């Protein structure tokens, strides 16, 4: 049987992992959606020349 310390340690690392993934998802969402579509998509859609 696992000790309570091992269970608390596993819970702590699970929470850290979930927090890190949520921060990464938030960062990627801001990068991809607040700046608009990528340059190649804008060029294709609007016929922009670079």
PDB file of N, CA and C in Angstrom:
ATOM      1  N   UNK A   1       0.848  -1.179   0.000  1.00  0.00           N
ATOM      2  CA  UNK A   1       0.000   0.000   0.000  1.00  0.00           C
ATOM      3  C   UNK A   1       0.891   1.240   0.000  1.00  0.00           C
ATOM      4  N   UNK A   2       0.509   2.220  -0.782  1.00  0.00           N
ATOM      5  CA  UNK A   2       1.288   3.447  -0.869  1.00  0.00           C
ATOM      6  C   UNK A   2       1.047   4.314   0.353  1.00  0.00           C
ATOM      7  N   UNK A   3       2.073   5.018   0.746  1.00  0.00           N
ATOM      8  CA  UNK A   3       1.929   5.884   1.920  1.00  0.00           C
ATOM      9  C   UNK A   3       1.171   7.152   1.542  1.00  0.00           C
ATOM     10  N   UNK A   4       0.662   7.831   2.546  1.00  0.00           N
ATOM     11  CA  UNK A   4      -0.090   9.063   2.296  1.00  0.00           C
ATOM     12  C   UNK A   4       0.822  10.152   1.737  1.00  0.00           C
ATOM     13  N   UNK A   5       2.109  10.107   2.093  1.00  0.00           N
ATOM     14  CA  UNK A   5       3.054  11.092   1.554  1.00  0.00           C
ATOM     15  C   UNK A   5       3.206  10.892   0.047  1.00  0.00           C
ATOM     16  N   UNK A   6       3.300   9.650  -0.387  1.00  0.00           N
ATOM     17  CA  UNK A   6       3.414   9.372  -1.819  1.00  0.00           C
ATOM     18  C   UNK A   6       2.159   9.821  -2.561  1.00  0.00           C
ATOM     19  N   UNK A   7       0.994   9.634  -1.957  1.00  0.00           N
ATOM     20  CA  UNK A   7      -0.246  10.071  -2.594  1.00  0.00           C
ATOM     21  C   UNK A   7      -0.298  11.590  -2.697  1.00  0.00           C
ATOM     22  N   UNK A   8       0.115  12.282  -1.645  1.00  0.00           N
ATOM     23  CA  UNK A   8       0.131  13.746  -1.676  1.00  0.00           C
ATOM     24  C   UNK A   8       1.152  14.258  -2.696  1.00  0.00           C
ATOM     25  N   UNK A   9       2.278  13.570  -2.774  1.00  0.00           N
ATOM     26  CA  UNK A   9       3.284  13.957  -3.750  1.00  0.00           C
ATOM     27  C   UNK A   9       2.752  13.788  -5.175  1.00  0.00           C
ATOM     28  N   UNK A  10       2.083  12.701  -5.442  1.00  0.00           N
ATOM     29  CA  UNK A  10       1.501  12.467  -6.765  1.00  0.00           C
ATOM     30  C   UNK A  10       0.431  13.508  -7.073  1.00  0.00           C
ATOM     31  N   UNK A  11      -0.403  13.831  -6.102  1.00  0.00           N
ATOM     32  CA  UNK A  11      -1.427  14.853  -6.284  1.00  0.00           C
ATOM     33  C   UNK A  11      -0.796  16.200  -6.600  1.00  0.00           C
ATOM     34  N   UNK A  12       0.268  16.548  -5.887  1.00  0.00           N
ATOM     35  CA  UNK A  12       0.962  17.811  -6.121  1.00  0.00           C
ATOM     36  C   UNK A  12       1.499  17.875  -7.553  1.00  0.00           C
ATOM     37  N   UNK A  13       2.162  16.825  -8.003  1.00  0.00           N
ATOM     38  CA  UNK A  13       2.708  16.833  -9.357  1.00  0.00           C
ATOM     39  C   UNK A  13       1.610  16.826 -10.418  1.00  0.00           C
ATOM     40  N   UNK A  14       0.496  16.172 -10.133  1.00  0.00           N
ATOM     41  CA  UNK A  14      -0.642  16.217 -11.063  1.00  0.00           C
ATOM     42  C   UNK A  14      -1.184  17.637 -11.178  1.00  0.00           C
ATOM     43  N   UNK A  15      -1.297  18.322 -10.047  1.00  0.00           N
ATOM     44  CA  UNK A  15      -1.789  19.699 -10.070  1.00  0.00           C
ATOM     45  C   UNK A  15      -0.821  20.626 -10.804  1.00  0.00           C
ATOM     46  N   UNK A  16       0.465  20.444 -10.594  1.00  0.00           N
ATOM     47  CA  UNK A  16       1.458  21.255 -11.302  1.00  0.00           C
ATOM     48  C   UNK A  16       1.360  21.011 -12.804  1.00  0.00           C
ATOM     49  N   UNK A  17       1.191  19.761 -13.198  1.00  0.00           N
ATOM     50  CA  UNK A  17       1.071  19.431 -14.615  1.00  0.00           C
ATOM     51  C   UNK A  17      -0.176  20.072 -15.224  1.00  0.00           C
ATOM     52  N   UNK A  18      -1.299  19.975 -14.541  1.00  0.00           N
ATOM     53  CA  UNK A  18      -2.543  20.569 -15.042  1.00  0.00           C
ATOM     54  C   UNK A  18      -2.394  22.082 -15.148  1.00  0.00           C
ATOM     55  N   UNK A  19      -1.766  22.702 -14.160  1.00  0.00           N
ATOM     56  CA  UNK A  19      -1.554  24.143 -14.209  1.00  0.00           C
ATOM     57  C   UNK A  19      -0.671  24.524 -15.396  1.00  0.00           C
ATOM     58  N   UNK A  20       0.406  23.772 -15.625  1.00  0.00           N
ATOM     59  CA  UNK A  20       1.310  24.074 -16.737  1.00  0.00           C
ATOM     60  C   UNK A  20       0.606  23.926 -18.081  1.00  0.00           C
ATOM     61  N   UNK A  21      -0.183  22.886 -18.238  1.00  0.00           N
ATOM     62  CA  UNK A  21      -0.906  22.682 -19.487  1.00  0.00           C
ATOM     63  C   UNK A  21      -1.928  23.790 -19.704  1.00  0.00           C
ATOM     64  N   UNK A  22      -2.619  24.206 -18.644  1.00  0.00           N
ATOM     65  CA  UNK A  22      -3.606  25.274 -18.798  1.00  0.00           C
ATOM     66  C   UNK A  22      -2.937  26.598 -19.150  1.00  0.00           C
ATOM     67  N   UNK A  23      -1.768  26.877 -18.565  1.00  0.00           N
ATOM     68  CA  UNK A  23      -1.038  28.100 -18.912  1.00  0.00           C
ATOM     69  C   UNK A  23      -0.562  28.059 -20.362  1.00  0.00           C
ATOM     70  N   UNK A  24      -0.094  26.909 -20.813  1.00  0.00           N
ATOM     71  CA  UNK A  24       0.331  26.772 -22.199  1.00  0.00           C
ATOM     72  C   UNK A  24      -0.848  26.967 -23.147  1.00  0.00           C
ATOM     73  N   UNK A  25      -1.982  26.376 -22.827  1.00  0.00           N
ATOM     74  CA  UNK A  25      -3.169  26.530 -23.667  1.00  0.00           C
ATOM     75  C   UNK A  25      -3.607  27.992 -23.723  1.00  0.00           C
ATOM     76  N   UNK A  26      -3.561  28.670 -22.605  1.00  0.00           N
ATOM     77  CA  UNK A  26      -3.933  30.088 -22.562  1.00  0.00           C
ATOM     78  C   UNK A  26      -2.976  30.915 -23.430  1.00  0.00           C
ATOM     79  N   UNK A  27      -1.692  30.650 -23.315  1.00  0.00           N
ATOM     80  CA  UNK A  27      -0.692  31.373 -24.102  1.00  0.00           C
ATOM     81  C   UNK A  27      -0.888  31.124 -25.595  1.00  0.00           C
ATOM     82  N   UNK A  28      -1.085  29.862 -25.974  1.00  0.00           N
ATOM     83  CA  UNK A  28      -1.274  29.555 -27.385  1.00  0.00           C
ATOM     84  C   UNK A  28      -2.558  30.165 -27.928  1.00  0.00           C
ATOM     85  N   UNK A  29      -3.600  30.175 -27.122  1.00  0.00           N
ATOM     86  CA  UNK A  29      -4.858  30.792 -27.543  1.00  0.00           C
ATOM     87  C   UNK A  29      -4.646  32.272 -27.808  1.00  0.00           C
ATOM     88  N   UNK A  30      -3.945  32.957 -26.921  1.00  0.00           N
ATOM     89  CA  UNK A  30      -3.671  34.386 -27.117  1.00  0.00           C
ATOM     90  C   UNK A  30      -2.833  34.616 -28.366  1.00  0.00           C
ATOM     91  N   UNK A  31      -1.833  33.777 -28.583  1.00  0.00           N
ATOM     92  CA  UNK A  31      -0.959  33.955 -29.748  1.00  0.00           C
ATOM     93  C   UNK A  31      -1.706  33.749 -31.058  1.00  0.00           C
ATOM     94  N   UNK A  32      -2.559  32.733 -31.120  1.00  0.00           N
ATOM     95  CA  UNK A  32      -3.182  32.398 -32.388  1.00  0.00           C
ATOM     96  C   UNK A  32      -4.464  33.161 -32.679  1.00  0.00           C
ATOM     97  N   UNK A  33      -5.180  33.591 -31.655  1.00  0.00           N
ATOM     98  CA  UNK A  33      -6.476  34.203 -31.907  1.00  0.00           C
ATOM     99  C   UNK A  33      -6.489  35.713 -31.758  1.00  0.00           C
ATOM    100  N   UNK A  34      -5.618  36.292 -30.965  1.00  0.00           N
ATOM    101  CA  UNK A  34      -5.636  37.742 -30.803  1.00  0.00           C
ATOM    102  C   UNK A  34      -4.871  38.443 -31.916  1.00  0.00           C
ATOM    103  N   UNK A  35      -3.926  37.784 -32.555  1.00  0.00           N
ATOM    104  CA  UNK A  35      -3.159  38.414 -33.629  1.00  0.00           C
ATOM    105  C   UNK A  35      -3.820  38.243 -34.982  1.00  0.00           C
ATOM    106  N   UNK A  36      -4.893  37.517 -35.052  1.00  0.00           N
ATOM    107  CA  UNK A  36      -5.542  37.279 -36.330  1.00  0.00           C
ATOM    108  C   UNK A  36      -4.950  36.062 -37.009  1.00  0.00           C
ATOM    109  N   UNK A  37      -5.405  35.810 -38.231  1.00  0.00           N
ATOM    110  CA  UNK A  37      -4.897  34.633 -38.946  1.00  0.00           C
ATOM    111  C   UNK A  37      -3.424  34.801 -39.293  1.00  0.00           C
ATOM    112  N   UNK A  38      -2.723  33.716 -39.479  1.00  0.00           N
ATOM    113  CA  UNK A  38      -1.314  33.796 -39.852  1.00  0.00           C
ATOM    114  C   UNK A  38      -1.136  34.552 -41.173  1.00  0.00           C
ATOM    115  N   UNK A  39       0.068  35.028 -41.403  1.00  0.00           N
ATOM    116  CA  UNK A  39       0.369  35.836 -42.582  1.00  0.00           C
ATOM    117  C   UNK A  39      -0.001  35.112 -43.886  1.00  0.00           C
ATOM    118  N   UNK A  40       0.308  33.831 -43.979  1.00  0.00           N
ATOM    119  CA  UNK A  40       0.003  33.081 -45.200  1.00  0.00           C
ATOM    120  C   UNK A  40      -1.502  33.035 -45.439  1.00  0.00           C
ATOM    121  N   UNK A  41      -2.292  32.904 -44.389  1.00  0.00           N
ATOM    122  CA  UNK A  41      -3.751  32.865 -44.548  1.00  0.00           C
ATOM    123  C   UNK A  41      -4.272  34.227 -44.984  1.00  0.00           C
ATOM    124  N   UNK A  42      -3.728  35.304 -44.425  1.00  0.00           N
ATOM    125  CA  UNK A  42      -4.150  36.647 -44.844  1.00  0.00           C
ATOM    126  C   UNK A  42      -3.790  36.882 -46.302  1.00  0.00           C
ATOM    127  N   UNK A  43      -2.588  36.456 -46.687  1.00  0.00           N
ATOM    128  CA  UNK A  43      -2.141  36.640 -48.070  1.00  0.00           C
ATOM    129  C   UNK A  43      -3.054  35.883 -49.022  1.00  0.00           C
ATOM    130  N   UNK A  44      -3.416  34.655 -48.670  1.00  0.00           N
ATOM    131  CA  UNK A  44      -4.261  33.841 -49.516  1.00  0.00           C
ATOM    132  C   UNK A  44      -5.674  34.431 -49.597  1.00  0.00           C
ATOM    133  N   UNK A  45      -6.191  34.868 -48.463  1.00  0.00           N
ATOM    134  CA  UNK A  45      -7.581  35.335 -48.438  1.00  0.00           C
ATOM    135  C   UNK A  45      -7.741  36.694 -49.092  1.00  0.00           C
ATOM    136  N   UNK A  46      -6.814  37.613 -48.821  1.00  0.00           N
ATOM    137  CA  UNK A  46      -6.981  38.978 -49.292  1.00  0.00           C
ATOM    138  C   UNK A  46      -6.115  39.315 -50.505  1.00  0.00           C
ATOM    139  N   UNK A  47      -5.305  38.364 -50.960  1.00  0.00           N
ATOM    140  CA  UNK A  47      -4.479  38.600 -52.123  1.00  0.00           C
ATOM    141  C   UNK A  47      -3.374  39.619 -51.878  1.00  0.00           C
ATOM    142  N   UNK A  48      -2.851  39.678 -50.656  1.00  0.00           N
ATOM    143  CA  UNK A  48      -1.809  40.648 -50.326  1.00  0.00           C
ATOM    144  C   UNK A  48      -0.494  40.226 -50.935  1.00  0.00           C
ATOM    145  N   UNK A  49       0.296  41.176 -51.306  1.00  0.00           N
ATOM    146  CA  UNK A  49       1.632  40.899 -51.828  1.00  0.00           C
ATOM    147  C   UNK A  49       2.650  41.294 -50.786  1.00  0.00           C
ATOM    148  N   UNK A  50       3.655  40.420 -50.578  1.00  0.00           N
ATOM    149  CA  UNK A  50       4.705  40.745 -49.605  1.00  0.00           C
ATOM    150  C   UNK A  50       6.031  40.909 -50.311  1.00  0.00           C
TER     151      UNK A  50
END
